[in-house]
Amino acid sequence: MTVAIESVLYRAPSVCGPARVVSATPARLVAPGVESDSWGLDDERGLGFFGDRPDADAFVRELEKSGLRGRGGAGFPAHRKWSTVRAAGGETVVVANGHEGEPASSKDRWLLTRRPHLVLDGLILAATVVGARDAIVYLSDVEVAAVVDRAIGEIGAAGLVPGGMSLRTHVAEHTYVAGEESAVCRSIDGGAAKPTSKPPRPYEAGVRGLPTLISNVETLAHAAWIRVHGADEFAAVGSDTSKGTALFTLTGAVGSPGVFEMSLGRPVHELVAAGAGPRVPHGLLMGGWFGGILQGDRAAVTCCYDALNALGSGLGCAAVTVLGEDDDVLAIAGELADWFRQESAAQCGVCVSATNAIARSIRQVSRGDDSAGHRANLSRWGTHITGRGACGFVDGAAALARSVGAELERRATSGEHDAREGAVQ
């Protein structure tokens, strides 16, 4: 059973209302006039999508030129996945991953309920490029699935689905690991939505053993935008290594949480300000719950894949949780550690033992035991367990351990001591 977290961490807003654009960002996915509950195909056609399908090789080159990186979490260059599956030849499968098991994120839900046709256009585009006849939208919410099914019916009636292509939804359980790409394939094939050992990876052998392209729904939406507006226009904003705009989910100690579109490479304080947050946040959870806790004055941190990786954090799915002055970092870390412990797929010994050990240690620290042994263990776990699981889940627990270890070192150096008994029950 998933731990119920009621603090500043969560709940992420159920953002079915209007998303917003951060100042100086060009509106692309968040476009004026397509926000009401009465959206339909004609509304989204007004955005200029559903054009003729391009030459496949030419579009892969355009995708590479654009610098689009996957918006699901890993930030992998989109064109590499597309070109690899295309090069496999023969029958292939394409999956739009809108599972969104990350608790701090709502941007995929917003996109699927407000821009379903745009996502489907990107999915059909991807299927056309890699030669797939089976195109699937992978979800974890039956209400969202109903919206997407309606949109599939609309584009089918309008004759926008290529002949011979199957377009459908698949609903899996709502756990974090169910969104991992090998778990996606396993679930679609009728198995448990849990990661499998690798190799092979899905692009080699995924759904039904076929080469499978799995792209986050936002990645596909950007691909559809690039198809119409071109790589140069897409890359006109962003940093050298993080091109374009992204959808951010902003939660926590802010007055106006929600989904925002912002150019990559912009400082995080611009996003926080757009959500009526504090000028100097007490701390930040970047990239959802998997980037650890960034403390101190981080307002100038840029929302860029490489810049955040250099800090030991990450952009991930672009979910940002703001911590305020009244938020106790160690208590929040304890809640996160319990979540990691309970969300583990329990398939890898290192994941089970590490998430349990980290949760136990952080719980003891939260209750006042700030011994040097805890600092040493958390720092060691934060370094040594990364990359040792079948999926990346344990890496998030490692990032949390590093964060807490660093905070304990800071407190020990400064002479601070917080022994609030029972901070984490």
Protein backbone atom coordinates (compact mmCIF):
# COMPACT_ATOMS: atom_id res chain seq x y z
CA MET A 1 0.00 0.00 0.00
CA THR A 2 1.38 3.40 -0.97
CA VAL A 3 2.18 5.76 1.91
CA ALA A 4 -0.24 8.70 2.16
CA ILE A 5 1.80 11.88 2.14
CA GLU A 6 -0.16 14.94 3.21
CA SER A 7 2.64 17.47 3.77
CA VAL A 8 3.93 20.13 1.39
CA LEU A 9 5.17 17.33 -0.83
CA TYR A 10 1.77 16.45 -2.10
CA ARG A 11 -0.92 16.59 -3.29
CA ALA A 12 -0.02 17.69 -6.77
CA PRO A 13 -2.98 19.62 -8.17
CA SER A 14 -5.43 17.77 -10.36
CA VAL A 15 -4.79 20.34 -13.03
CA CYS A 16 -7.68 20.04 -15.41
CA GLY A 17 -8.07 23.80 -15.65
CA PRO A 18 -5.95 26.25 -17.62
CA ALA A 19 -2.19 25.86 -17.61
CA ARG A 20 -0.05 29.00 -17.69
CA VAL A 21 2.95 30.33 -19.54
CA VAL A 22 5.92 31.73 -17.62
CA SER A 23 6.92 35.25 -18.63
CA ALA A 24 9.00 35.54 -21.84
CA THR A 25 8.21 31.95 -22.87
CA PRO A 26 6.60 31.42 -26.30
CA ALA A 27 3.28 29.58 -25.93
CA ARG A 28 3.51 26.28 -27.78
CA LEU A 29 1.75 23.47 -25.97
CA VAL A 30 -0.15 25.91 -23.77
CA ALA A 31 -2.00 27.92 -26.39
CA PRO A 32 -4.73 30.51 -25.69
CA GLY A 33 -8.29 29.53 -26.50
CA VAL A 34 -7.99 25.76 -26.05
CA GLU A 35 -8.73 25.48 -22.34
CA SER A 36 -12.47 24.93 -21.88
CA ASP A 37 -14.20 21.65 -21.08
CA SER A 38 -15.71 21.69 -24.58
CA TRP A 39 -12.43 21.11 -26.43
CA GLY A 40 -12.57 19.06 -29.58
CA LEU A 41 -10.69 18.20 -32.73
CA ASP A 42 -11.56 21.49 -34.39
CA ASP A 43 -10.07 23.43 -31.45
CA GLU A 44 -6.74 21.66 -31.72
CA ARG A 45 -6.71 21.86 -35.49
CA GLY A 46 -6.56 25.59 -34.97
CA LEU A 47 -3.08 25.04 -33.54
CA GLY A 48 -1.89 23.85 -36.95
CA PHE A 49 -1.41 20.13 -36.38
CA PHE A 50 -2.40 17.04 -38.40
CA GLY A 51 -0.35 17.97 -41.45
CA ASP A 52 0.75 15.57 -44.17
CA ARG A 53 3.18 12.94 -42.95
CA PRO A 54 6.81 13.72 -43.76
CA ASP A 55 9.51 11.63 -45.29
CA ALA A 56 10.64 9.41 -42.42
CA ASP A 57 14.41 9.86 -42.79
CA ALA A 58 14.03 13.59 -43.28
CA PHE A 59 11.98 13.93 -40.11
CA VAL A 60 14.48 11.96 -38.02
CA ARG A 61 17.13 14.43 -39.20
CA GLU A 62 14.82 17.32 -38.28
CA LEU A 63 14.26 15.79 -34.86
CA GLU A 64 18.01 15.53 -34.33
CA LYS A 65 18.47 19.14 -35.43
CA SER A 66 15.82 20.29 -32.97
CA GLY A 67 17.71 18.92 -29.96
CA LEU A 68 14.48 17.54 -28.46
CA ARG A 69 15.17 15.39 -25.41
CA GLY A 70 12.67 13.03 -23.83
CA ARG A 71 10.34 14.72 -21.36
CA GLY A 72 9.55 11.61 -19.32
CA GLY A 73 12.51 11.78 -16.98
CA ALA A 74 15.74 10.53 -18.53
CA GLY A 75 16.20 13.38 -21.02
CA PHE A 76 17.51 11.00 -23.69
CA PRO A 77 17.81 12.56 -27.20
CA ALA A 78 14.52 11.74 -28.92
CA HIS A 79 15.96 11.16 -32.39
CA ARG A 80 18.17 8.30 -31.17
CA LYS A 81 15.21 6.21 -30.02
CA TRP A 82 13.27 6.93 -33.20
CA SER A 83 16.17 6.14 -35.52
CA THR A 84 17.12 2.96 -33.63
CA VAL A 85 13.63 1.47 -33.84
CA ARG A 86 13.30 2.58 -37.47
CA ALA A 87 16.59 0.88 -38.33
CA ALA A 88 15.36 -2.41 -36.84
CA GLY A 89 13.14 -2.97 -39.86
CA GLY A 90 10.14 -5.27 -39.95
CA GLU A 91 7.18 -4.98 -37.60
CA THR A 92 7.47 -2.47 -34.74
CA VAL A 93 5.31 -0.95 -32.00
CA VAL A 94 5.03 2.62 -30.68
CA VAL A 95 3.82 3.51 -27.17
CA ALA A 96 2.89 6.97 -25.87
CA ASN A 97 3.74 6.76 -22.17
CA GLY A 98 1.28 8.87 -20.19
CA HIS A 99 1.33 6.70 -17.06
CA GLU A 100 2.72 9.48 -14.84
CA GLY A 101 3.46 7.52 -11.69
CA GLU A 102 5.55 10.43 -10.36
CA PRO A 103 3.46 11.81 -7.45
CA ALA A 104 4.62 15.41 -7.90
CA SER A 105 3.71 15.61 -11.60
CA SER A 106 0.42 16.47 -13.28
CA LYS A 107 1.67 17.71 -16.65
CA ASP A 108 0.96 14.47 -18.55
CA ARG A 109 -2.58 14.36 -17.20
CA TRP A 110 -3.08 17.98 -18.26
CA LEU A 111 -1.70 17.26 -21.72
CA LEU A 112 -3.85 14.16 -22.25
CA THR A 113 -7.04 15.88 -21.12
CA ARG A 114 -6.35 19.24 -22.82
CA ARG A 115 -4.25 18.32 -25.85
CA PRO A 116 -5.21 14.69 -26.61
CA HIS A 117 -5.26 15.23 -30.37
CA LEU A 118 -1.82 16.79 -30.29
CA VAL A 119 -0.44 13.76 -28.43
CA LEU A 120 -2.18 11.40 -30.84
CA ASP A 121 -0.79 13.33 -33.81
CA GLY A 122 2.71 12.89 -32.38
CA LEU A 123 2.00 9.20 -31.80
CA ILE A 124 0.80 8.67 -35.37
CA LEU A 125 3.81 10.62 -36.61
CA ALA A 126 6.16 8.38 -34.63
CA ALA A 127 4.40 5.23 -35.84
CA THR A 128 4.69 6.44 -39.44
CA VAL A 129 8.40 7.20 -39.06
CA VAL A 130 9.36 3.86 -37.50
CA GLY A 131 6.93 1.79 -39.57
CA ALA A 132 4.67 0.68 -36.71
CA ARG A 133 1.11 -0.53 -37.26
CA ASP A 134 0.33 -0.80 -33.54
CA ALA A 135 0.22 2.52 -31.65
CA ILE A 136 -0.74 2.47 -27.97
CA VAL A 137 -1.40 5.17 -25.35
CA TYR A 138 -0.30 3.75 -21.98
CA LEU A 139 -2.16 5.21 -18.98
CA SER A 140 -2.91 4.68 -15.29
CA ASP A 141 -6.19 6.60 -14.99
CA VAL A 142 -9.50 5.34 -16.42
CA GLU A 143 -10.91 8.87 -16.56
CA VAL A 144 -7.99 10.07 -18.66
CA ALA A 145 -8.32 6.95 -20.81
CA ALA A 146 -11.94 7.86 -21.52
CA VAL A 147 -10.85 11.29 -22.77
CA VAL A 148 -8.18 9.78 -25.00
CA ASP A 149 -10.59 7.13 -26.33
CA ARG A 150 -13.00 9.90 -27.27
CA ALA A 151 -10.21 11.72 -29.12
CA ILE A 152 -9.22 8.49 -30.91
CA GLY A 153 -12.82 8.14 -32.06
CA GLU A 154 -12.83 11.72 -33.36
CA ILE A 155 -9.68 11.42 -35.41
CA GLY A 156 -10.79 8.05 -36.73
CA ALA A 157 -14.09 9.54 -37.89
CA ALA A 158 -12.15 12.40 -39.53
CA GLY A 159 -10.01 9.96 -41.50
CA LEU A 160 -6.77 10.99 -39.79
CA VAL A 161 -5.60 7.52 -38.79
CA PRO A 162 -3.52 5.90 -41.54
CA GLY A 163 -4.97 2.77 -43.07
CA GLY A 164 -3.89 -0.43 -41.36
CA MET A 165 -2.81 1.33 -38.16
CA SER A 166 -4.30 0.27 -34.83
CA LEU A 167 -4.66 3.11 -32.31
CA ARG A 168 -5.73 2.21 -28.77
CA THR A 169 -5.31 2.82 -25.04
CA HIS A 170 -3.98 0.51 -22.34
CA VAL A 171 -4.62 1.18 -18.63
CA ALA A 172 -2.17 -0.20 -16.04
CA GLU A 173 -2.05 0.03 -12.26
CA HIS A 174 -0.96 3.30 -10.72
CA THR A 175 2.41 2.53 -9.17
CA TYR A 176 5.65 4.36 -9.83
CA VAL A 177 7.51 1.43 -11.40
CA ALA A 178 4.60 0.66 -13.74
CA GLY A 179 5.75 3.58 -15.88
CA GLU A 180 9.26 2.17 -16.41
CA GLU A 181 9.67 1.20 -20.08
CA SER A 182 10.15 -2.54 -19.62
CA ALA A 183 7.21 -2.61 -17.19
CA VAL A 184 5.16 -0.84 -19.86
CA CYS A 185 5.85 -3.63 -22.34
CA ARG A 186 5.23 -6.34 -19.76
CA SER A 187 1.85 -4.85 -18.82
CA ILE A 188 0.72 -4.44 -22.43
CA ASP A 189 1.60 -8.08 -23.00
CA GLY A 190 -0.66 -9.09 -20.12
CA GLY A 191 1.89 -9.43 -17.33
CA ALA A 192 2.54 -7.55 -14.11
CA ALA A 193 3.54 -3.92 -14.62
CA LYS A 194 7.00 -4.41 -13.13
CA PRO A 195 10.44 -3.88 -14.70
CA THR A 196 12.26 -6.76 -16.34
CA SER A 197 15.98 -7.44 -16.48
CA LYS A 198 17.96 -5.97 -19.37
CA PRO A 199 19.08 -6.66 -22.04
CA PRO A 200 17.06 -6.77 -24.16
CA ARG A 201 15.73 -3.24 -23.95
CA PRO A 202 12.34 -2.36 -25.45
CA TYR A 203 13.87 -0.85 -28.58
CA GLU A 204 15.36 -4.31 -29.19
CA ALA A 205 12.50 -6.51 -28.00
CA GLY A 206 9.50 -4.93 -26.32
CA VAL A 207 5.77 -5.45 -26.85
CA ARG A 208 5.22 -8.98 -28.26
CA GLY A 209 8.99 -9.24 -28.61
CA LEU A 210 9.01 -6.55 -31.30
CA PRO A 211 11.26 -3.46 -31.43
CA THR A 212 9.24 -0.88 -29.47
CA LEU A 213 9.55 2.90 -29.34
CA ILE A 214 8.35 4.24 -25.98
CA SER A 215 8.06 8.03 -25.77
CA ASN A 216 6.55 10.24 -23.10
CA VAL A 217 3.35 11.94 -24.24
CA GLU A 218 4.94 15.39 -23.95
CA THR A 219 7.86 14.30 -26.13
CA LEU A 220 5.36 13.26 -28.81
CA ALA A 221 3.47 16.54 -28.50
CA HIS A 222 6.70 18.46 -29.11
CA ALA A 223 7.48 16.20 -32.08
CA ALA A 224 4.13 17.10 -33.61
CA TRP A 225 4.91 20.78 -33.02
CA ILE A 226 8.31 20.39 -34.68
CA ARG A 227 6.66 18.69 -37.66
CA VAL A 228 4.65 21.87 -38.30
CA HIS A 229 6.99 24.64 -37.16
CA GLY A 230 10.43 23.15 -37.74
CA ALA A 231 13.54 22.38 -35.75
CA ASP A 232 14.97 25.88 -35.90
CA GLU A 233 11.87 27.42 -34.40
CA PHE A 234 11.76 24.78 -31.66
CA ALA A 235 15.41 25.38 -30.75
CA ALA A 236 15.05 29.16 -30.78
CA VAL A 237 14.59 29.00 -27.00
CA GLY A 238 16.38 26.92 -24.39
CA SER A 239 20.00 26.36 -23.44
CA ASP A 240 22.79 24.85 -25.55
CA THR A 241 21.98 21.33 -24.38
CA SER A 242 18.32 21.70 -23.35
CA LYS A 243 16.30 23.02 -26.26
CA GLY A 244 12.71 24.19 -26.46
CA THR A 245 10.05 24.61 -23.83
CA ALA A 246 8.80 22.11 -21.26
CA LEU A 247 5.73 21.62 -19.12
CA PHE A 248 6.55 22.07 -15.43
CA THR A 249 4.37 20.98 -12.51
CA LEU A 250 4.89 23.42 -9.64
CA THR A 251 3.71 22.42 -6.15
CA GLY A 252 4.59 22.92 -2.51
CA ALA A 253 4.96 26.25 -0.70
CA VAL A 254 3.53 28.38 -3.51
CA GLY A 255 0.36 30.41 -3.66
CA SER A 256 -0.71 29.28 -7.12
CA PRO A 257 0.43 25.73 -7.97
CA GLY A 258 -0.21 24.15 -11.34
CA VAL A 259 1.21 23.34 -14.75
CA PHE A 260 3.38 25.94 -16.48
CA GLU A 261 5.10 26.06 -19.84
CA MET A 262 8.59 27.56 -19.58
CA SER A 263 11.65 27.72 -21.81
CA LEU A 264 14.38 25.36 -20.68
CA GLY A 265 17.55 27.01 -19.42
CA ARG A 266 15.62 29.64 -17.44
CA PRO A 267 16.34 30.13 -13.70
CA VAL A 268 14.00 28.31 -11.37
CA HIS A 269 13.08 31.55 -9.58
CA GLU A 270 11.09 32.60 -12.67
CA LEU A 271 8.95 29.47 -12.39
CA VAL A 272 8.52 29.90 -8.62
CA ALA A 273 7.55 33.54 -9.07
CA ALA A 274 4.93 32.59 -11.67
CA GLY A 275 3.36 30.35 -9.04
CA ALA A 276 3.43 33.09 -6.37
CA GLY A 277 6.14 31.32 -4.42
CA PRO A 278 8.81 32.70 -2.06
CA ARG A 279 11.61 34.84 -3.46
CA VAL A 280 14.17 32.52 -1.85
CA PRO A 281 12.80 28.98 -1.35
CA HIS A 282 13.99 27.10 1.73
CA GLY A 283 14.64 24.12 -0.51
CA LEU A 284 13.61 22.47 -3.77
CA LEU A 285 12.74 19.01 -4.94
CA MET A 286 13.70 19.07 -8.60
CA GLY A 287 12.50 16.58 -11.19
CA GLY A 288 9.87 15.11 -8.90
CA TRP A 289 10.90 12.99 -5.93
CA PHE A 290 13.96 11.53 -7.64
CA GLY A 291 16.38 14.43 -7.65
CA GLY A 292 17.00 14.65 -3.93
CA ILE A 293 16.58 17.84 -1.92
CA LEU A 294 18.41 20.98 -3.01
CA GLN A 295 18.83 23.31 -0.06
CA GLY A 296 20.01 26.86 0.43
CA ASP A 297 19.54 29.72 -2.00
CA ARG A 298 18.97 27.87 -5.27
CA ALA A 299 16.91 30.55 -6.96
CA ALA A 300 19.51 30.98 -9.69
CA VAL A 301 19.60 27.28 -10.58
CA THR A 302 18.76 26.87 -14.25
CA CYS A 303 16.13 24.40 -15.39
CA CYS A 304 18.50 22.58 -17.70
CA TYR A 305 19.29 18.85 -17.86
CA ASP A 306 23.06 19.23 -17.61
CA ALA A 307 23.10 22.04 -15.04
CA LEU A 308 20.91 20.06 -12.65
CA ASN A 309 22.82 16.83 -13.24
CA ALA A 310 25.99 18.68 -12.28
CA LEU A 311 24.38 19.48 -8.92
CA GLY A 312 23.63 15.82 -8.30
CA SER A 313 19.93 16.42 -9.00
CA GLY A 314 18.02 16.35 -12.28
CA LEU A 315 15.28 17.92 -14.36
CA GLY A 316 13.45 14.59 -14.64
CA CYS A 317 9.81 15.10 -15.56
CA ALA A 318 10.10 18.81 -14.71
CA ALA A 319 8.13 18.57 -11.46
CA VAL A 320 9.30 21.15 -8.92
CA THR A 321 8.25 21.13 -5.26
CA VAL A 322 9.07 24.27 -3.29
CA LEU A 323 9.89 24.01 0.41
CA GLY A 324 9.07 26.94 2.67
CA GLU A 325 10.68 28.16 5.89
CA ASP A 326 8.28 26.11 8.03
CA ASP A 327 9.02 22.85 6.23
CA ASP A 328 11.33 20.52 8.14
CA VAL A 329 13.76 18.99 5.67
CA LEU A 330 14.46 15.85 7.68
CA ALA A 331 10.77 15.16 8.31
CA ILE A 332 10.08 15.52 4.59
CA ALA A 333 13.02 13.24 3.83
CA GLY A 334 11.50 10.68 6.18
CA GLU A 335 8.21 10.77 4.27
CA LEU A 336 10.04 10.37 0.98
CA ALA A 337 12.13 7.49 2.31
CA ASP A 338 9.00 5.64 3.40
CA TRP A 339 7.50 6.19 -0.04
CA PHE A 340 10.59 4.72 -1.71
CA ARG A 341 10.47 1.73 0.62
CA GLN A 342 6.82 0.99 -0.13
CA GLU A 343 6.92 1.70 -3.87
CA SER A 344 9.80 -0.66 -4.61
CA ALA A 345 8.88 -3.46 -7.01
CA ALA A 346 10.66 -5.78 -4.54
CA GLN A 347 12.30 -7.67 -7.40
CA CYS A 348 15.93 -6.69 -6.78
CA GLY A 349 17.66 -7.49 -3.52
CA VAL A 350 19.67 -4.27 -3.64
CA CYS A 351 16.52 -2.19 -4.01
CA VAL A 352 14.68 -3.91 -1.16
CA SER A 353 17.62 -3.78 1.24
CA ALA A 354 18.71 -0.26 0.28
CA THR A 355 15.28 1.39 0.43
CA ASN A 356 14.59 -0.26 3.79
CA ALA A 357 17.98 0.74 5.20
CA ILE A 358 17.70 4.32 3.97
CA ALA A 359 14.18 4.69 5.36
CA ARG A 360 15.22 3.25 8.73
CA SER A 361 18.27 5.49 8.99
CA ILE A 362 16.43 8.67 8.00
CA ARG A 363 13.62 7.84 10.42
CA GLN A 364 16.12 7.57 13.25
CA VAL A 365 17.78 10.82 12.21
CA SER A 366 14.39 12.55 12.15
CA ARG A 367 13.88 11.48 15.76
CA GLY A 368 17.10 13.10 16.87
CA ASP A 369 19.80 10.46 16.32
CA ASP A 370 22.26 12.44 14.19
CA SER A 371 25.25 10.21 14.87
CA ALA A 372 28.26 10.10 12.59
CA GLY A 373 27.32 6.53 11.66
CA HIS A 374 24.13 7.69 9.96
CA ARG A 375 25.99 10.38 8.07
CA ALA A 376 28.56 7.89 6.83
CA ASN A 377 25.97 5.26 5.86
CA LEU A 378 23.73 7.68 4.00
CA SER A 379 26.65 9.15 2.09
CA ARG A 380 27.92 5.68 1.22
CA TRP A 381 24.53 4.39 0.10
CA GLY A 382 23.99 7.54 -1.92
CA THR A 383 27.12 6.79 -3.90
CA HIS A 384 27.36 3.02 -4.12
CA ILE A 385 23.85 1.82 -4.94
CA THR A 386 23.26 4.04 -7.97
CA GLY A 387 22.71 2.01 -11.13
CA ARG A 388 22.54 -1.34 -9.38
CA GLY A 389 18.82 -2.06 -9.80
CA ALA A 390 16.96 -3.55 -12.77
CA CYS A 391 15.37 -0.12 -13.21
CA GLY A 392 16.31 3.36 -12.01
CA PHE A 393 14.06 3.33 -8.95
CA VAL A 394 16.82 2.76 -6.41
CA ASP A 395 18.74 5.72 -7.91
CA GLY A 396 16.08 8.06 -6.50
CA ALA A 397 16.51 6.60 -3.03
CA ALA A 398 20.27 7.10 -3.45
CA ALA A 399 19.79 10.76 -4.34
CA LEU A 400 17.66 11.21 -1.22
CA ALA A 401 20.34 9.53 0.92
CA ARG A 402 23.01 11.87 -0.50
CA SER A 403 20.82 14.88 0.24
CA VAL A 404 20.23 13.88 3.85
CA GLY A 405 23.88 12.95 4.36
CA ALA A 406 24.93 16.37 3.08
CA GLU A 407 22.39 18.09 5.35
CA LEU A 408 23.63 16.18 8.38
CA GLU A 409 27.22 17.14 7.57
CA ARG A 410 26.15 20.77 7.27
CA ARG A 411 24.38 20.66 10.64
CA ALA A 412 27.31 18.92 12.30
CA THR A 413 29.72 21.52 10.94
CA SER A 414 27.50 24.44 11.97
CA GLY A 415 26.71 22.97 15.38
CA GLU A 416 22.96 22.71 14.67
CA HIS A 417 20.99 19.92 16.32
CA ASP A 418 17.35 19.02 15.77
CA ALA A 419 16.00 16.33 18.06
CA ARG A 420 12.29 16.61 17.43
CA GLU A 421 11.11 13.26 18.77
CA GLY A 422 8.45 11.66 16.64
CA ALA A 423 8.89 13.87 13.58
CA VAL A 424 8.25 10.80 11.44
CA GLN A 425 5.89 8.16 12.75
